[in-house]
Each structure stands twice: as C-alpha cells, then as structure tokens.
C-alpha cells in the first residue's frame, strides 16, 4: 500500500482546496496504475467538517502514522512550489518513514 503525502496547511483556504484536489488526482492516477493507496488528505479533509474542532497537527498525525507504519512505500506529491519541503507534516512523515525503513520518493502528477 502506498501512503500519499502532500503539503496541505496554508493561510488561504483556496490553496488548501487546490492541494486537496491535487491529492485526489494523484491518488486516482496511482490507483489506475494498479496501486492500493491511502491519501490522508483525501480521507481526512472531508471528515474534518464533522469535527467540532478541526484538529491540530498532533491529532492528524495520531490518525495517520499507524497507517504509514503499515505501508510499503510513501510517495510525496511534488507540487509546483515544492511546498512539501517546508511542510511540518510531510517532514514528520519522512522522518517516520525513515525510522520504519519505508522507502519514499517525490513524484510529480
């Protein structure tokens, strides 16, 4: 199973929506290639609308890291601005993937 990581948080909601859409497109492409994919943003963003509090960084990491730990690979979406390089979440995901010896790579979609 592939864990699909991407930058998400941003002061502008419009940027977050674009990142959400990109995650969905990337997940669909990977699925069409025959992979099983978990896309945290695709999964969590719609659910967050039903939470009283959107949840902080730690809340979402506690949801996502057990899944990453069981994945065979992590792919990071390389957006045009390379926001993943500055993303707190993506950098934490990379650190955990390395600790768990899960291979990871950056890919354009």
PDB file of N, CA and C in Angstrom:
ATOM      1  N   UNK A   1       0.848  -1.170   0.000  1.00  0.00           N
ATOM      2  CA  UNK A   1       0.000   0.000   0.000  1.00  0.00           C
ATOM      3  C   UNK A   1       0.897   1.238   0.000  1.00  0.00           C
ATOM      4  N   UNK A   2       0.522   2.221  -0.798  1.00  0.00           N
ATOM      5  CA  UNK A   2       1.239   3.483  -0.874  1.00  0.00           C
ATOM      6  C   UNK A   2       0.565   4.517   0.029  1.00  0.00           C
ATOM      7  N   UNK A   3       1.380   5.206   0.797  1.00  0.00           N
ATOM      8  CA  UNK A   3       0.944   6.338   1.602  1.00  0.00           C
ATOM      9  C   UNK A   3       1.266   7.575   0.772  1.00  0.00           C
ATOM     10  N   UNK A   4       0.261   8.364   0.462  1.00  0.00           N
ATOM     11  CA  UNK A   4       0.430   9.530  -0.392  1.00  0.00           C
ATOM     12  C   UNK A   4       0.501  10.799   0.454  1.00  0.00           C
ATOM     13  N   UNK A   5       1.681  11.364   0.563  1.00  0.00           N
ATOM     14  CA  UNK A   5       1.896  12.545   1.403  1.00  0.00           C
ATOM     15  C   UNK A   5       1.909  13.814   0.555  1.00  0.00           C
ATOM     16  N   UNK A   6       1.402  14.880   1.133  1.00  0.00           N
ATOM     17  CA  UNK A   6       1.430  16.172   0.462  1.00  0.00           C
ATOM     18  C   UNK A   6       1.302  17.293   1.479  1.00  0.00           C
ATOM     19  N   UNK A   7       1.821  18.456   1.111  1.00  0.00           N
ATOM     20  CA  UNK A   7       1.597  19.643   1.934  1.00  0.00           C
ATOM     21  C   UNK A   7       0.112  19.980   1.864  1.00  0.00           C
ATOM     22  N   UNK A   8      -0.438  20.470   2.960  1.00  0.00           N
ATOM     23  CA  UNK A   8      -1.854  20.817   2.955  1.00  0.00           C
ATOM     24  C   UNK A   8      -2.122  22.172   3.598  1.00  0.00           C
ATOM     25  N   UNK A   9      -1.686  22.379   4.821  1.00  0.00           N
ATOM     26  CA  UNK A   9      -1.995  23.602   5.560  1.00  0.00           C
ATOM     27  C   UNK A   9      -1.466  24.837   4.837  1.00  0.00           C
ATOM     28  N   UNK A  10      -2.270  25.879   4.886  1.00  0.00           N
ATOM     29  CA  UNK A  10      -1.901  27.148   4.264  1.00  0.00           C
ATOM     30  C   UNK A  10      -2.863  28.206   4.799  1.00  0.00           C
ATOM     31  N   UNK A  11      -2.422  29.452   4.906  1.00  0.00           N
ATOM     32  CA  UNK A  11      -3.333  30.511   5.389  1.00  0.00           C
ATOM     33  C   UNK A  11      -4.550  30.718   4.480  1.00  0.00           C
ATOM     34  N   UNK A  12      -4.410  30.442   3.194  1.00  0.00           N
ATOM     35  CA  UNK A  12      -5.514  30.626   2.258  1.00  0.00           C
ATOM     36  C   UNK A  12      -6.284  29.326   2.048  1.00  0.00           C
ATOM     37  N   UNK A  13      -7.577  29.359   2.301  1.00  0.00           N
ATOM     38  CA  UNK A  13      -8.427  28.176   2.093  1.00  0.00           C
ATOM     39  C   UNK A  13      -8.393  27.720   0.630  1.00  0.00           C
ATOM     40  N   UNK A  14      -8.255  28.667  -0.294  1.00  0.00           N
ATOM     41  CA  UNK A  14      -8.232  28.309  -1.718  1.00  0.00           C
ATOM     42  C   UNK A  14      -7.011  27.445  -2.050  1.00  0.00           C
ATOM     43  N   UNK A  15      -5.881  27.707  -1.405  1.00  0.00           N
ATOM     44  CA  UNK A  15      -4.685  26.894  -1.617  1.00  0.00           C
ATOM     45  C   UNK A  15      -4.895  25.506  -1.030  1.00  0.00           C
ATOM     46  N   UNK A  16      -5.507  25.447   0.142  1.00  0.00           N
ATOM     47  CA  UNK A  16      -5.782  24.141   0.755  1.00  0.00           C
ATOM     48  C   UNK A  16      -6.716  23.326  -0.135  1.00  0.00           C
ATOM     49  N   UNK A  17      -7.719  23.959  -0.715  1.00  0.00           N
ATOM     50  CA  UNK A  17      -8.635  23.251  -1.604  1.00  0.00           C
ATOM     51  C   UNK A  17      -7.906  22.727  -2.838  1.00  0.00           C
ATOM     52  N   UNK A  18      -6.997  23.517  -3.402  1.00  0.00           N
ATOM     53  CA  UNK A  18      -6.208  23.057  -4.547  1.00  0.00           C
ATOM     54  C   UNK A  18      -5.325  21.869  -4.172  1.00  0.00           C
ATOM     55  N   UNK A  19      -4.734  21.913  -2.996  1.00  0.00           N
ATOM     56  CA  UNK A  19      -3.886  20.810  -2.535  1.00  0.00           C
ATOM     57  C   UNK A  19      -4.717  19.545  -2.312  1.00  0.00           C
ATOM     58  N   UNK A  20      -5.919  19.725  -1.803  1.00  0.00           N
ATOM     59  CA  UNK A  20      -6.852  18.601  -1.629  1.00  0.00           C
ATOM     60  C   UNK A  20      -7.185  17.983  -2.992  1.00  0.00           C
ATOM     61  N   UNK A  21      -7.501  18.823  -3.961  1.00  0.00           N
ATOM     62  CA  UNK A  21      -7.829  18.329  -5.303  1.00  0.00           C
ATOM     63  C   UNK A  21      -6.635  17.620  -5.931  1.00  0.00           C
ATOM     64  N   UNK A  22      -5.442  18.163  -5.774  1.00  0.00           N
ATOM     65  CA  UNK A  22      -4.244  17.527  -6.303  1.00  0.00           C
ATOM     66  C   UNK A  22      -4.016  16.161  -5.661  1.00  0.00           C
ATOM     67  N   UNK A  23      -4.254  16.058  -4.362  1.00  0.00           N
ATOM     68  CA  UNK A  23      -4.112  14.765  -3.681  1.00  0.00           C
ATOM     69  C   UNK A  23      -5.092  13.751  -4.259  1.00  0.00           C
ATOM     70  N   UNK A  24      -6.316  14.183  -4.534  1.00  0.00           N
ATOM     71  CA  UNK A  24      -7.307  13.275  -5.113  1.00  0.00           C
ATOM     72  C   UNK A  24      -6.909  12.827  -6.513  1.00  0.00           C
ATOM     73  N   UNK A  25      -6.425  13.751  -7.325  1.00  0.00           N
ATOM     74  CA  UNK A  25      -5.982  13.411  -8.682  1.00  0.00           C
ATOM     75  C   UNK A  25      -4.807  12.430  -8.615  1.00  0.00           C
ATOM     76  N   UNK A  26      -3.827  12.724  -7.763  1.00  0.00           N
ATOM     77  CA  UNK A  26      -2.660  11.846  -7.633  1.00  0.00           C
ATOM     78  C   UNK A  26      -3.062  10.456  -7.159  1.00  0.00           C
ATOM     79  N   UNK A  27      -3.959  10.394  -6.177  1.00  0.00           N
ATOM     80  CA  UNK A  27      -4.435   9.088  -5.689  1.00  0.00           C
ATOM     81  C   UNK A  27      -5.122   8.322  -6.809  1.00  0.00           C
ATOM     82  N   UNK A  28      -5.941   9.002  -7.594  1.00  0.00           N
ATOM     83  CA  UNK A  28      -6.644   8.346  -8.699  1.00  0.00           C
ATOM     84  C   UNK A  28      -5.655   7.810  -9.734  1.00  0.00           C
ATOM     85  N   UNK A  29      -4.632   8.594 -10.051  1.00  0.00           N
ATOM     86  CA  UNK A  29      -3.619   8.139 -11.015  1.00  0.00           C
ATOM     87  C   UNK A  29      -2.928   6.892 -10.503  1.00  0.00           C
ATOM     88  N   UNK A  30      -2.512   6.914  -9.239  1.00  0.00           N
ATOM     89  CA  UNK A  30      -1.829   5.748  -8.659  1.00  0.00           C
ATOM     90  C   UNK A  30      -2.741   4.529  -8.647  1.00  0.00           C
ATOM     91  N   UNK A  31      -4.013   4.738  -8.325  1.00  0.00           N
ATOM     92  CA  UNK A  31      -4.966   3.621  -8.324  1.00  0.00           C
ATOM     93  C   UNK A  31      -5.133   3.057  -9.729  1.00  0.00           C
ATOM     94  N   UNK A  32      -5.201   3.942 -10.721  1.00  0.00           N
ATOM     95  CA  UNK A  32      -5.326   3.477 -12.105  1.00  0.00           C
ATOM     96  C   UNK A  32      -4.082   2.716 -12.556  1.00  0.00           C
ATOM     97  N   UNK A  33      -2.953   3.012 -11.943  1.00  0.00           N
ATOM     98  CA  UNK A  33      -1.714   2.281 -12.235  1.00  0.00           C
ATOM     99  C   UNK A  33      -1.697   0.914 -11.546  1.00  0.00           C
ATOM    100  N   UNK A  34      -2.696   0.641 -10.719  1.00  0.00           N
ATOM    101  CA  UNK A  34      -2.803  -0.657 -10.068  1.00  0.00           C
ATOM    102  C   UNK A  34      -2.375  -0.692  -8.616  1.00  0.00           C
ATOM    103  N   UNK A  35      -2.094   0.457  -8.029  1.00  0.00           N
ATOM    104  CA  UNK A  35      -1.647   0.504  -6.635  1.00  0.00           C
ATOM    105  C   UNK A  35      -2.829   0.638  -5.673  1.00  0.00           C
ATOM    106  N   UNK A  36      -2.627   0.172  -4.470  1.00  0.00           N
ATOM    107  CA  UNK A  36      -3.538   0.449  -3.361  1.00  0.00           C
ATOM    108  C   UNK A  36      -2.974   1.680  -2.672  1.00  0.00           C
ATOM    109  N   UNK A  37      -3.822   2.683  -2.459  1.00  0.00           N
ATOM    110  CA  UNK A  37      -3.349   3.989  -1.999  1.00  0.00           C
ATOM    111  C   UNK A  37      -4.139   4.456  -0.784  1.00  0.00           C
ATOM    112  N   UNK A  38      -3.412   5.009   0.182  1.00  0.00           N
ATOM    113  CA  UNK A  38      -4.044   5.760   1.260  1.00  0.00           C
ATOM    114  C   UNK A  38      -3.581   7.198   1.126  1.00  0.00           C
ATOM    115  N   UNK A  39      -4.531   8.101   0.922  1.00  0.00           N
ATOM    116  CA  UNK A  39      -4.253   9.528   0.813  1.00  0.00           C
ATOM    117  C   UNK A  39      -4.837  10.223   2.044  1.00  0.00           C
ATOM    118  N   UNK A  40      -3.998  10.575   3.024  1.00  0.00           N
ATOM    119  CA  UNK A  40      -4.514  11.173   4.255  1.00  0.00           C
ATOM    120  C   UNK A  40      -5.380  12.408   4.022  1.00  0.00           C
ATOM    121  N   UNK A  41      -4.983  13.262   3.088  1.00  0.00           N
ATOM    122  CA  UNK A  41      -5.756  14.475   2.838  1.00  0.00           C
ATOM    123  C   UNK A  41      -7.113  14.119   2.236  1.00  0.00           C
ATOM    124  N   UNK A  42      -7.123  13.191   1.276  1.00  0.00           N
ATOM    125  CA  UNK A  42      -8.390  12.774   0.657  1.00  0.00           C
ATOM    126  C   UNK A  42      -9.328  12.173   1.696  1.00  0.00           C
ATOM    127  N   UNK A  43      -8.767  11.468   2.639  1.00  0.00           N
ATOM    128  CA  UNK A  43      -9.541  10.805   3.683  1.00  0.00           C
ATOM    129  C   UNK A  43      -9.995  11.787   4.765  1.00  0.00           C
ATOM    130  N   UNK A  44      -9.079  12.620   5.243  1.00  0.00           N
ATOM    131  CA  UNK A  44      -9.320  13.407   6.448  1.00  0.00           C
ATOM    132  C   UNK A  44     -10.017  14.739   6.216  1.00  0.00           C
ATOM    133  N   UNK A  45      -9.740  15.396   5.103  1.00  0.00           N
ATOM    134  CA  UNK A  45     -10.333  16.711   4.874  1.00  0.00           C
ATOM    135  C   UNK A  45     -11.860  16.657   4.880  1.00  0.00           C
ATOM    136  N   UNK A  46     -12.497  15.714   4.177  1.00  0.00           N
ATOM    137  CA  UNK A  46     -13.964  15.659   4.245  1.00  0.00           C
ATOM    138  C   UNK A  46     -14.485  15.331   5.656  1.00  0.00           C
ATOM    139  N   UNK A  47     -13.773  14.488   6.364  1.00  0.00           N
ATOM    140  CA  UNK A  47     -14.188  14.109   7.711  1.00  0.00           C
ATOM    141  C   UNK A  47     -14.053  15.287   8.676  1.00  0.00           C
ATOM    142  N   UNK A  48     -13.053  16.126   8.463  1.00  0.00           N
ATOM    143  CA  UNK A  48     -12.794  17.243   9.381  1.00  0.00           C
ATOM    144  C   UNK A  48     -13.992  18.180   9.502  1.00  0.00           C
ATOM    145  N   UNK A  49     -14.830  18.224   8.493  1.00  0.00           N
ATOM    146  CA  UNK A  49     -16.013  19.088   8.520  1.00  0.00           C
ATOM    147  C   UNK A  49     -17.010  18.661   9.597  1.00  0.00           C
ATOM    148  N   UNK A  50     -16.890  17.426  10.060  1.00  0.00           N
ATOM    149  CA  UNK A  50     -17.818  16.890  11.060  1.00  0.00           C
ATOM    150  C   UNK A  50     -17.236  16.898  12.470  1.00  0.00           C
ATOM    151  N   UNK A  51     -16.048  17.428  12.618  1.00  0.00           N
ATOM    152  CA  UNK A  51     -15.425  17.542  13.929  1.00  0.00           C
ATOM    153  C   UNK A  51     -15.748  18.908  14.511  1.00  0.00           C
ATOM    154  N   UNK A  52     -15.974  18.958  15.822  1.00  0.00           N
ATOM    155  CA  UNK A  52     -16.201  20.258  16.472  1.00  0.00           C
ATOM    156  C   UNK A  52     -15.003  21.160  16.279  1.00  0.00           C
ATOM    157  N   UNK A  53     -13.854  20.591  16.472  1.00  0.00           N
ATOM    158  CA  UNK A  53     -12.603  21.308  16.287  1.00  0.00           C
ATOM    159  C   UNK A  53     -11.873  20.585  15.169  1.00  0.00           C
ATOM    160  N   UNK A  54     -11.411  21.315  14.182  1.00  0.00           N
ATOM    161  CA  UNK A  54     -10.762  20.714  13.016  1.00  0.00           C
ATOM    162  C   UNK A  54      -9.673  19.729  13.413  1.00  0.00           C
ATOM    163  N   UNK A  55      -9.072  19.925  14.550  1.00  0.00           N
ATOM    164  CA  UNK A  55      -7.986  19.051  14.979  1.00  0.00           C
ATOM    165  C   UNK A  55      -6.655  19.697  14.672  1.00  0.00           C
ATOM    166  N   UNK A  56      -5.719  19.532  15.557  1.00  0.00           N
ATOM    167  CA  UNK A  56      -4.407  20.119  15.341  1.00  0.00           C
ATOM    168  C   UNK A  56      -3.479  19.103  14.683  1.00  0.00           C
ATOM    169  N   UNK A  57      -2.270  19.527  14.465  1.00  0.00           N
ATOM    170  CA  UNK A  57      -1.265  18.688  13.816  1.00  0.00           C
ATOM    171  C   UNK A  57      -1.141  17.324  14.495  1.00  0.00           C
ATOM    172  N   UNK A  58      -1.052  17.318  15.811  1.00  0.00           N
ATOM    173  CA  UNK A  58      -0.888  16.046  16.543  1.00  0.00           C
ATOM    174  C   UNK A  58      -2.092  15.134  16.386  1.00  0.00           C
ATOM    175  N   UNK A  59      -3.281  15.712  16.363  1.00  0.00           N
ATOM    176  CA  UNK A  59      -4.488  14.916  16.164  1.00  0.00           C
ATOM    177  C   UNK A  59      -4.391  14.132  14.855  1.00  0.00           C
ATOM    178  N   UNK A  60      -4.030  14.820  13.768  1.00  0.00           N
ATOM    179  CA  UNK A  60      -3.972  14.158  12.461  1.00  0.00           C
ATOM    180  C   UNK A  60      -2.797  13.204  12.355  1.00  0.00           C
ATOM    181  N   UNK A  61      -1.673  13.536  12.972  1.00  0.00           N
ATOM    182  CA  UNK A  61      -0.541  12.600  12.953  1.00  0.00           C
ATOM    183  C   UNK A  61      -0.910  11.307  13.690  1.00  0.00           C
ATOM    184  N   UNK A  62      -1.659  11.432  14.784  1.00  0.00           N
ATOM    185  CA  UNK A  62      -2.091  10.235  15.511  1.00  0.00           C
ATOM    186  C   UNK A  62      -3.047   9.374  14.681  1.00  0.00           C
ATOM    187  N   UNK A  63      -3.772   9.995  13.778  1.00  0.00           N
ATOM    188  CA  UNK A  63      -4.655   9.248  12.880  1.00  0.00           C
ATOM    189  C   UNK A  63      -3.862   8.572  11.761  1.00  0.00           C
ATOM    190  N   UNK A  64      -2.881   9.272  11.228  1.00  0.00           N
ATOM    191  CA  UNK A  64      -2.205   8.835  10.004  1.00  0.00           C
ATOM    192  C   UNK A  64      -0.978   7.951  10.211  1.00  0.00           C
ATOM    193  N   UNK A  65      -0.232   8.157  11.271  1.00  0.00           N
ATOM    194  CA  UNK A  65       1.027   7.417  11.428  1.00  0.00           C
ATOM    195  C   UNK A  65       0.843   5.907  11.568  1.00  0.00           C
ATOM    196  N   UNK A  66      -0.202   5.416  12.236  1.00  0.00           N
ATOM    197  CA  UNK A  66      -0.374   3.953  12.262  1.00  0.00           C
ATOM    198  C   UNK A  66      -0.589   3.367  10.860  1.00  0.00           C
ATOM    199  N   UNK A  67      -1.179   4.162   9.975  1.00  0.00           N
ATOM    200  CA  UNK A  67      -1.372   3.680   8.605  1.00  0.00           C
ATOM    201  C   UNK A  67      -0.044   3.710   7.857  1.00  0.00           C
ATOM    202  N   UNK A  68       0.688   4.817   7.981  1.00  0.00           N
ATOM    203  CA  UNK A  68       2.001   4.886   7.330  1.00  0.00           C
ATOM    204  C   UNK A  68       2.874   3.710   7.752  1.00  0.00           C
ATOM    205  N   UNK A  69       2.846   3.392   9.021  1.00  0.00           N
ATOM    206  CA  UNK A  69       3.697   2.314   9.542  1.00  0.00           C
ATOM    207  C   UNK A  69       3.418   0.979   8.852  1.00  0.00           C
ATOM    208  N   UNK A  70       2.219   0.824   8.310  1.00  0.00           N
ATOM    209  CA  UNK A  70       1.847  -0.427   7.656  1.00  0.00           C
ATOM    210  C   UNK A  70       1.913  -0.351   6.132  1.00  0.00           C
ATOM    211  N   UNK A  71       2.423   0.753   5.603  1.00  0.00           N
ATOM    212  CA  UNK A  71       2.546   0.903   4.151  1.00  0.00           C
ATOM    213  C   UNK A  71       3.907   0.387   3.685  1.00  0.00           C
ATOM    214  N   UNK A  72       3.965   0.030   2.413  1.00  0.00           N
ATOM    215  CA  UNK A  72       5.219  -0.467   1.845  1.00  0.00           C
ATOM    216  C   UNK A  72       6.028   0.635   1.176  1.00  0.00           C
ATOM    217  N   UNK A  73       5.385   1.789   0.955  1.00  0.00           N
ATOM    218  CA  UNK A  73       6.056   2.892   0.266  1.00  0.00           C
ATOM    219  C   UNK A  73       5.322   4.190   0.566  1.00  0.00           C
ATOM    220  N   UNK A  74       6.066   5.294   0.519  1.00  0.00           N
ATOM    221  CA  UNK A  74       5.450   6.609   0.639  1.00  0.00           C
ATOM    222  C   UNK A  74       5.833   7.424  -0.587  1.00  0.00           C
ATOM    223  N   UNK A  75       4.837   8.039  -1.204  1.00  0.00           N
ATOM    224  CA  UNK A  75       5.073   8.955  -2.316  1.00  0.00           C
ATOM    225  C   UNK A  75       4.639  10.340  -1.871  1.00  0.00           C
ATOM    226  N   UNK A  76       5.510  11.313  -2.125  1.00  0.00           N
ATOM    227  CA  UNK A  76       5.229  12.694  -1.783  1.00  0.00           C
ATOM    228  C   UNK A  76       4.885  13.435  -3.073  1.00  0.00           C
ATOM    229  N   UNK A  77       3.779  14.144  -3.062  1.00  0.00           N
ATOM    230  CA  UNK A  77       3.373  14.925  -4.223  1.00  0.00           C
ATOM    231  C   UNK A  77       4.289  16.142  -4.347  1.00  0.00           C
ATOM    232  N   UNK A  78       4.910  16.272  -5.511  1.00  0.00           N
ATOM    233  CA  UNK A  78       5.772  17.411  -5.785  1.00  0.00           C
ATOM    234  C   UNK A  78       4.963  18.479  -6.506  1.00  0.00           C
ATOM    235  N   UNK A  79       4.414  19.415  -5.738  1.00  0.00           N
ATOM    236  CA  UNK A  79       3.622  20.489  -6.333  1.00  0.00           C
ATOM    237  C   UNK A  79       4.564  21.533  -6.941  1.00  0.00           C
ATOM    238  N   UNK A  80       4.041  22.430  -7.783  1.00  0.00           N
ATOM    239  CA  UNK A  80       4.908  23.399  -8.470  1.00  0.00           C
ATOM    240  C   UNK A  80       5.781  24.250  -7.551  1.00  0.00           C
ATOM    241  N   UNK A  81       5.310  24.540  -6.348  1.00  0.00           N
ATOM    242  CA  UNK A  81       6.086  25.366  -5.415  1.00  0.00           C
ATOM    243  C   UNK A  81       6.936  24.542  -4.448  1.00  0.00           C
ATOM    244  N   UNK A  82       6.915  23.244  -4.611  1.00  0.00           N
ATOM    245  CA  UNK A  82       7.632  22.326  -3.720  1.00  0.00           C
ATOM    246  C   UNK A  82       7.332  22.617  -2.250  1.00  0.00           C
ATOM    247  N   UNK A  83       6.054  22.831  -1.965  1.00  0.00           N
ATOM    248  CA  UNK A  83       5.619  23.139  -0.603  1.00  0.00           C
ATOM    249  C   UNK A  83       5.933  22.017   0.371  1.00  0.00           C
ATOM    250  N   UNK A  84       6.071  20.800  -0.126  1.00  0.00           N
ATOM    251  CA  UNK A  84       6.352  19.659   0.749  1.00  0.00           C
ATOM    252  C   UNK A  84       7.652  19.854   1.523  1.00  0.00           C
ATOM    253  N   UNK A  85       8.601  20.576   0.943  1.00  0.00           N
ATOM    254  CA  UNK A  85       9.897  20.770   1.610  1.00  0.00           C
ATOM    255  C   UNK A  85       9.766  21.568   2.903  1.00  0.00           C
ATOM    256  N   UNK A  86       8.753  22.436   2.969  1.00  0.00           N
ATOM    257  CA  UNK A  86       8.538  23.280   4.145  1.00  0.00           C
ATOM    258  C   UNK A  86       7.426  22.761   5.055  1.00  0.00           C
ATOM    259  N   UNK A  87       6.764  21.708   4.636  1.00  0.00           N
ATOM    260  CA  UNK A  87       5.606  21.200   5.366  1.00  0.00           C
ATOM    261  C   UNK A  87       6.022  20.456   6.636  1.00  0.00           C
ATOM    262  N   UNK A  88       5.510  20.913   7.754  1.00  0.00           N
ATOM    263  CA  UNK A  88       5.773  20.234   9.036  1.00  0.00           C
ATOM    264  C   UNK A  88       5.301  18.786   8.977  1.00  0.00           C
ATOM    265  N   UNK A  89       4.092  18.574   8.434  1.00  0.00           N
ATOM    266  CA  UNK A  89       3.538  17.229   8.369  1.00  0.00           C
ATOM    267  C   UNK A  89       4.331  16.308   7.472  1.00  0.00           C
ATOM    268  N   UNK A  90       4.671  16.769   6.277  1.00  0.00           N
ATOM    269  CA  UNK A  90       5.437  15.929   5.353  1.00  0.00           C
ATOM    270  C   UNK A  90       6.807  15.603   5.931  1.00  0.00           C
ATOM    271  N   UNK A  91       7.435  16.574   6.553  1.00  0.00           N
ATOM    272  CA  UNK A  91       8.745  16.301   7.144  1.00  0.00           C
ATOM    273  C   UNK A  91       8.661  15.295   8.284  1.00  0.00           C
ATOM    274  N   UNK A  92       7.592  15.343   9.039  1.00  0.00           N
ATOM    275  CA  UNK A  92       7.395  14.333  10.092  1.00  0.00           C
ATOM    276  C   UNK A  92       7.122  12.968   9.473  1.00  0.00           C
ATOM    277  N   UNK A  93       6.359  12.948   8.401  1.00  0.00           N
ATOM    278  CA  UNK A  93       6.091  11.684   7.708  1.00  0.00           C
ATOM    279  C   UNK A  93       7.390  11.089   7.153  1.00  0.00           C
ATOM    280  N   UNK A  94       8.250  11.927   6.594  1.00  0.00           N
ATOM    281  CA  UNK A  94       9.539  11.454   6.089  1.00  0.00           C
ATOM    282  C   UNK A  94      10.370  10.867   7.224  1.00  0.00           C
ATOM    283  N   UNK A  95      10.436  11.574   8.344  1.00  0.00           N
ATOM    284  CA  UNK A  95      11.217  11.083   9.494  1.00  0.00           C
ATOM    285  C   UNK A  95      10.712   9.726   9.963  1.00  0.00           C
ATOM    286  N   UNK A  96       9.389   9.587  10.042  1.00  0.00           N
ATOM    287  CA  UNK A  96       8.829   8.302  10.469  1.00  0.00           C
ATOM    288  C   UNK A  96       9.067   7.214   9.436  1.00  0.00           C
ATOM    289  N   UNK A  97       8.906   7.536   8.160  1.00  0.00           N
ATOM    290  CA  UNK A  97       9.165   6.545   7.111  1.00  0.00           C
ATOM    291  C   UNK A  97      10.609   6.056   7.192  1.00  0.00           C
ATOM    292  N   UNK A  98      11.528   6.968   7.383  1.00  0.00           N
ATOM    293  CA  UNK A  98      12.934   6.573   7.504  1.00  0.00           C
ATOM    294  C   UNK A  98      13.156   5.695   8.731  1.00  0.00           C
ATOM    295  N   UNK A  99      12.557   6.063   9.849  1.00  0.00           N
ATOM    296  CA  UNK A  99      12.712   5.285  11.081  1.00  0.00           C
ATOM    297  C   UNK A  99      12.150   3.878  10.917  1.00  0.00           C
ATOM    298  N   UNK A 100      11.070   3.757  10.144  1.00  0.00           N
ATOM    299  CA  UNK A 100      10.437   2.456   9.931  1.00  0.00           C
ATOM    300  C   UNK A 100      10.939   1.760   8.666  1.00  0.00           C
ATOM    301  N   UNK A 101      11.978   2.344   8.042  1.00  0.00           N
ATOM    302  CA  UNK A 101      12.592   1.789   6.834  1.00  0.00           C
ATOM    303  C   UNK A 101      11.594   1.605   5.697  1.00  0.00           C
ATOM    304  N   UNK A 102      10.725   2.586   5.551  1.00  0.00           N
ATOM    305  CA  UNK A 102       9.755   2.609   4.458  1.00  0.00           C
ATOM    306  C   UNK A 102      10.341   3.493   3.366  1.00  0.00           C
ATOM    307  N   UNK A 103      10.532   2.951   2.170  1.00  0.00           N
ATOM    308  CA  UNK A 103      11.086   3.788   1.101  1.00  0.00           C
ATOM    309  C   UNK A 103      10.117   4.898   0.709  1.00  0.00           C
ATOM    310  N   UNK A 104      10.697   6.042   0.335  1.00  0.00           N
ATOM    311  CA  UNK A 104       9.867   7.168  -0.072  1.00  0.00           C
ATOM    312  C   UNK A 104      10.512   7.876  -1.246  1.00  0.00           C
ATOM    313  N   UNK A 105       9.676   8.539  -2.024  1.00  0.00           N
ATOM    314  CA  UNK A 105      10.168   9.312  -3.156  1.00  0.00           C
ATOM    315  C   UNK A 105       9.200  10.458  -3.422  1.00  0.00           C
ATOM    316  N   UNK A 106       9.673  11.428  -4.172  1.00  0.00           N
ATOM    317  CA  UNK A 106       8.885  12.578  -4.575  1.00  0.00           C
ATOM    318  C   UNK A 106       8.484  12.360  -6.035  1.00  0.00           C
ATOM    319  N   UNK A 107       7.224  12.660  -6.346  1.00  0.00           N
ATOM    320  CA  UNK A 107       6.740  12.434  -7.709  1.00  0.00           C
ATOM    321  C   UNK A 107       5.816  13.571  -8.147  1.00  0.00           C
ATOM    322  N   UNK A 108       5.989  14.000  -9.376  1.00  0.00           N
ATOM    323  CA  UNK A 108       5.086  14.993  -9.989  1.00  0.00           C
ATOM    324  C   UNK A 108       3.875  14.274 -10.554  1.00  0.00           C
ATOM    325  N   UNK A 109       2.716  14.935 -10.483  1.00  0.00           N
ATOM    326  CA  UNK A 109       1.487  14.381 -11.054  1.00  0.00           C
ATOM    327  C   UNK A 109       0.876  15.371 -12.016  1.00  0.00           C
TER     328      UNK A 109
END
